[in-house]
Structure formats: structure tokens, C-alpha cells
Amino acid sequence: MQDFRHLKFWQRAHALAIALHKLSRRFTRGGYVRLRSQLTGAADSIGDNIIEGCGASTKKDFARFLDNSIKSANETEGHLLKARDLDLFSLDEWQKYSAETIEVRKMIYGYCGKVRASAEEDDKTSDD
């Protein structure tokens, strides 16, 4: 078990979610409340899965939560595209938050690989 607050990718995922909550407040017009909810829910889920994973009892389970976090980043990116195409974000805003979502996903993916490798190493040593 580890403290999620010390993980750089959680810090960035959290900051991304907060920024998207603030930015999407303008989605009230034209019936875009559902898109706002989907976007902010997916962004929240990136960090939430990291937090849950930090409480996992095994490295393998932690890796599964990190994988879910990656999927939530994919979903967030898709909702950002939809918001851009509906002219709810400026091109600059979309580029900024899309790039940050991709970077956070890359960071999680890299860490997930390390966790999986460590879990496999633990499995090998326990078989001996």
C-alpha cells in the first residue's frame, strides 16, 4: 500500500480533473449537461482508480486499477474531442487539455508496466 498523493501522475490527473470541472461549467447551454457529466466523470475516474489501486492488496491488483485509469484517460480524451467538435472549447483549450490527458496516460502506462514487472518477479520468487 502506498500514498497516492506522492505519485506525480496522480497529482497531474487530479489537477486535470479540477481544471476540466472548472472549464466545463459553461456546458449548461444547448443541452450539453450530459457531456459535462461524462467528461468530468471520466477525468475524475483517472485519479480515483489510482487512489483505489494504491489500496490494493497485491501488485497485480494495483496494475489492474492503473489499467482502468488508462481507460478513463482514453474516455476523457474522447469527450474532449466531442466538446471541441461541438465548439464548447477553443482550439487552444482543447490542445492544452488533450495534451495533458495524453501525458498523464503515458505516465500511468509507464508506471503500470513497472508494477506488472514487479508482480511477475514476485511470482517467480514465490514459485522457487
C-alpha atoms as a PDB file:
ATOM      1  CA  MET A   1       0.000   0.000   0.000  1.00  0.00           C
ATOM      2  CA  GLN A   2       1.332   3.440  -0.877  1.00  0.00           C
ATOM      3  CA  ASP A   3       0.305   7.050  -0.523  1.00  0.00           C
ATOM      4  CA  PHE A   4      -1.238   8.180  -3.816  1.00  0.00           C
ATOM      5  CA  ARG A   5      -0.527  11.836  -3.006  1.00  0.00           C
ATOM      6  CA  HIS A   6       3.170  11.226  -3.668  1.00  0.00           C
ATOM      7  CA  LEU A   7       2.600   9.886  -7.181  1.00  0.00           C
ATOM      8  CA  LYS A   8       3.306  12.596  -9.779  1.00  0.00           C
ATOM      9  CA  PHE A   9       0.825  11.119 -12.255  1.00  0.00           C
ATOM     10  CA  TRP A  10      -1.938  11.216  -9.619  1.00  0.00           C
ATOM     11  CA  GLN A  11      -1.120  14.869  -8.874  1.00  0.00           C
ATOM     12  CA  ARG A  12      -1.401  15.706 -12.558  1.00  0.00           C
ATOM     13  CA  ALA A  13      -4.573  13.639 -13.014  1.00  0.00           C
ATOM     14  CA  HIS A  14      -6.125  15.445 -10.056  1.00  0.00           C
ATOM     15  CA  ALA A  15      -5.147  18.874 -11.428  1.00  0.00           C
ATOM     16  CA  LEU A  16      -6.548  17.895 -14.842  1.00  0.00           C
ATOM     17  CA  ALA A  17      -9.876  16.835 -13.340  1.00  0.00           C
ATOM     18  CA  ILE A  18     -10.182  20.070 -11.357  1.00  0.00           C
ATOM     19  CA  ALA A  19      -9.365  22.162 -14.442  1.00  0.00           C
ATOM     20  CA  LEU A  20     -11.935  20.293 -16.549  1.00  0.00           C
ATOM     21  CA  HIS A  21     -14.603  20.740 -13.869  1.00  0.00           C
ATOM     22  CA  LYS A  22     -13.984  24.485 -13.910  1.00  0.00           C
ATOM     23  CA  LEU A  23     -13.766  24.721 -17.687  1.00  0.00           C
ATOM     24  CA  SER A  24     -16.901  22.680 -18.338  1.00  0.00           C
ATOM     25  CA  ARG A  25     -19.128  24.883 -16.171  1.00  0.00           C
ATOM     26  CA  ARG A  26     -20.174  26.607 -19.384  1.00  0.00           C
ATOM     27  CA  PHE A  27     -21.674  23.385 -20.793  1.00  0.00           C
ATOM     28  CA  THR A  28     -25.111  24.316 -19.460  1.00  0.00           C
ATOM     29  CA  ARG A  29     -26.238  25.802 -22.742  1.00  0.00           C
ATOM     30  CA  GLY A  30     -27.788  23.784 -25.506  1.00  0.00           C
ATOM     31  CA  GLY A  31     -28.307  20.589 -23.543  1.00  0.00           C
ATOM     32  CA  TYR A  32     -24.638  19.762 -23.009  1.00  0.00           C
ATOM     33  CA  VAL A  33     -25.066  18.896 -19.330  1.00  0.00           C
ATOM     34  CA  ARG A  34     -24.739  15.186 -20.133  1.00  0.00           C
ATOM     35  CA  LEU A  35     -21.435  15.730 -21.948  1.00  0.00           C
ATOM     36  CA  ARG A  36     -20.208  17.786 -18.987  1.00  0.00           C
ATOM     37  CA  SER A  37     -21.074  14.938 -16.649  1.00  0.00           C
ATOM     38  CA  GLN A  38     -19.377  12.356 -18.863  1.00  0.00           C
ATOM     39  CA  LEU A  39     -16.236  14.460 -19.303  1.00  0.00           C
ATOM     40  CA  THR A  40     -15.821  15.305 -15.635  1.00  0.00           C
ATOM     41  CA  GLY A  41     -16.744  11.769 -14.560  1.00  0.00           C
ATOM     42  CA  ALA A  42     -14.118  10.239 -16.850  1.00  0.00           C
ATOM     43  CA  ALA A  43     -11.498  12.770 -15.722  1.00  0.00           C
ATOM     44  CA  ASP A  44     -12.329  12.095 -12.058  1.00  0.00           C
ATOM     45  CA  SER A  45     -12.066   8.375 -12.694  1.00  0.00           C
ATOM     46  CA  ILE A  46      -8.430   8.670 -13.812  1.00  0.00           C
ATOM     47  CA  GLY A  47      -7.358   9.765 -10.349  1.00  0.00           C
ATOM     48  CA  ASP A  48      -9.977   7.746  -8.485  1.00  0.00           C
ATOM     49  CA  ASN A  49      -8.683   4.492  -9.952  1.00  0.00           C
ATOM     50  CA  ILE A  50      -5.136   5.413  -8.938  1.00  0.00           C
ATOM     51  CA  ILE A  51      -6.334   6.065  -5.392  1.00  0.00           C
ATOM     52  CA  GLU A  52      -8.214   2.754  -5.255  1.00  0.00           C
ATOM     53  CA  GLY A  53      -5.226   0.907  -6.681  1.00  0.00           C
ATOM     54  CA  CYS A  54      -2.920   2.286  -4.008  1.00  0.00           C
ATOM     55  CA  GLY A  55      -5.036   0.386  -1.502  1.00  0.00           C
ATOM     56  CA  ALA A  56      -4.900  -2.895  -3.422  1.00  0.00           C
ATOM     57  CA  SER A  57      -3.582  -5.924  -1.588  1.00  0.00           C
ATOM     58  CA  THR A  58      -1.365  -7.116  -4.450  1.00  0.00           C
ATOM     59  CA  LYS A  59       0.751  -5.535  -7.166  1.00  0.00           C
ATOM     60  CA  LYS A  60      -1.273  -7.420  -9.761  1.00  0.00           C
ATOM     61  CA  ASP A  61      -4.463  -5.838  -8.428  1.00  0.00           C
ATOM     62  CA  PHE A  62      -2.795  -2.411  -8.363  1.00  0.00           C
ATOM     63  CA  ALA A  63      -1.849  -2.861 -12.028  1.00  0.00           C
ATOM     64  CA  ARG A  64      -5.492  -3.647 -12.829  1.00  0.00           C
ATOM     65  CA  PHE A  65      -6.599  -0.348 -11.269  1.00  0.00           C
ATOM     66  CA  LEU A  66      -3.897   1.501 -13.194  1.00  0.00           C
ATOM     67  CA  ASP A  67      -5.184  -0.146 -16.379  1.00  0.00           C
ATOM     68  CA  ASN A  68      -8.666   1.164 -15.565  1.00  0.00           C
ATOM     69  CA  SER A  69      -7.159   4.602 -15.060  1.00  0.00           C
ATOM     70  CA  ILE A  70      -5.635   4.417 -18.545  1.00  0.00           C
ATOM     71  CA  LYS A  71      -9.048   3.529 -19.955  1.00  0.00           C
ATOM     72  CA  SER A  72     -10.568   6.522 -18.169  1.00  0.00           C
ATOM     73  CA  ALA A  73      -7.910   8.740 -19.759  1.00  0.00           C
ATOM     74  CA  ASN A  74      -8.918   7.355 -23.160  1.00  0.00           C
ATOM     75  CA  GLU A  75     -12.538   8.166 -22.381  1.00  0.00           C
ATOM     76  CA  THR A  76     -11.597  11.660 -21.233  1.00  0.00           C
ATOM     77  CA  GLU A  77      -9.739  12.254 -24.474  1.00  0.00           C
ATOM     78  CA  GLY A  78     -12.789  11.155 -26.462  1.00  0.00           C
ATOM     79  CA  HIS A  79     -15.077  13.535 -24.574  1.00  0.00           C
ATOM     80  CA  LEU A  80     -12.594  16.366 -25.102  1.00  0.00           C
ATOM     81  CA  LEU A  81     -12.766  15.692 -28.850  1.00  0.00           C
ATOM     82  CA  LYS A  82     -16.544  15.789 -28.782  1.00  0.00           C
ATOM     83  CA  ALA A  83     -16.519  19.071 -26.819  1.00  0.00           C
ATOM     84  CA  ARG A  84     -14.069  20.547 -29.334  1.00  0.00           C
ATOM     85  CA  ASP A  85     -16.182  19.447 -32.290  1.00  0.00           C
ATOM     86  CA  LEU A  86     -19.268  20.990 -30.670  1.00  0.00           C
ATOM     87  CA  ASP A  87     -17.336  24.268 -30.260  1.00  0.00           C
ATOM     88  CA  LEU A  88     -17.548  24.101 -26.468  1.00  0.00           C
ATOM     89  CA  PHE A  89     -13.777  24.560 -26.154  1.00  0.00           C
ATOM     90  CA  SER A  90     -11.459  26.781 -28.098  1.00  0.00           C
ATOM     91  CA  LEU A  91      -8.810  25.012 -30.146  1.00  0.00           C
ATOM     92  CA  ASP A  92      -6.150  26.196 -27.677  1.00  0.00           C
ATOM     93  CA  GLU A  93      -8.097  24.849 -24.699  1.00  0.00           C
ATOM     94  CA  TRP A  94      -8.651  21.526 -26.427  1.00  0.00           C
ATOM     95  CA  GLN A  95      -4.963  21.207 -27.354  1.00  0.00           C
ATOM     96  CA  LYS A  96      -3.855  22.020 -23.808  1.00  0.00           C
ATOM     97  CA  TYR A  97      -6.156  19.566 -22.027  1.00  0.00           C
ATOM     98  CA  SER A  98      -5.880  16.862 -24.651  1.00  0.00           C
ATOM     99  CA  ALA A  99      -2.076  17.008 -24.451  1.00  0.00           C
ATOM    100  CA  GLU A 100      -2.217  16.850 -20.653  1.00  0.00           C
ATOM    101  CA  THR A 101      -4.574  13.860 -20.767  1.00  0.00           C
ATOM    102  CA  ILE A 102      -2.200  12.056 -23.133  1.00  0.00           C
ATOM    103  CA  GLU A 103       0.817  12.860 -20.954  1.00  0.00           C
ATOM    104  CA  VAL A 104      -0.922  11.626 -17.795  1.00  0.00           C
ATOM    105  CA  ARG A 105      -1.918   8.436 -19.621  1.00  0.00           C
ATOM    106  CA  LYS A 106       1.695   7.869 -20.719  1.00  0.00           C
ATOM    107  CA  MET A 107       2.917   8.344 -17.157  1.00  0.00           C
ATOM    108  CA  ILE A 108       0.366   5.870 -15.798  1.00  0.00           C
ATOM    109  CA  TYR A 109       1.161   3.385 -18.557  1.00  0.00           C
ATOM    110  CA  GLY A 110       4.878   3.527 -17.744  1.00  0.00           C
ATOM    111  CA  TYR A 111       4.271   3.049 -14.040  1.00  0.00           C
ATOM    112  CA  CYS A 112       1.804   0.246 -14.714  1.00  0.00           C
ATOM    113  CA  GLY A 113       4.485  -1.615 -16.677  1.00  0.00           C
ATOM    114  CA  LYS A 114       6.844  -1.353 -13.715  1.00  0.00           C
ATOM    115  CA  VAL A 115       4.171  -2.601 -11.323  1.00  0.00           C
ATOM    116  CA  ARG A 116       3.378  -5.558 -13.602  1.00  0.00           C
ATOM    117  CA  ALA A 117       7.066  -6.435 -13.966  1.00  0.00           C
ATOM    118  CA  SER A 118       7.495  -6.302 -10.200  1.00  0.00           C
ATOM    119  CA  ALA A 119       4.418  -8.502  -9.722  1.00  0.00           C
ATOM    120  CA  GLU A 120       5.817 -11.042 -12.183  1.00  0.00           C
ATOM    121  CA  GLU A 121       9.155 -11.007 -10.366  1.00  0.00           C
ATOM    122  CA  ASP A 122       7.348 -11.602  -7.064  1.00  0.00           C
ATOM    123  CA  ASP A 123       5.502 -14.528  -8.660  1.00  0.00           C
ATOM    124  CA  LYS A 124       8.794 -16.050  -9.869  1.00  0.00           C
ATOM    125  CA  THR A 125      10.427 -15.793  -6.455  1.00  0.00           C
ATOM    126  CA  SER A 126       7.393 -17.256  -4.693  1.00  0.00           C
ATOM    127  CA  ASP A 127       7.484 -20.264  -7.056  1.00  0.00           C
ATOM    128  CA  ASP A 128      11.066 -21.087  -6.067  1.00  0.00           C
END
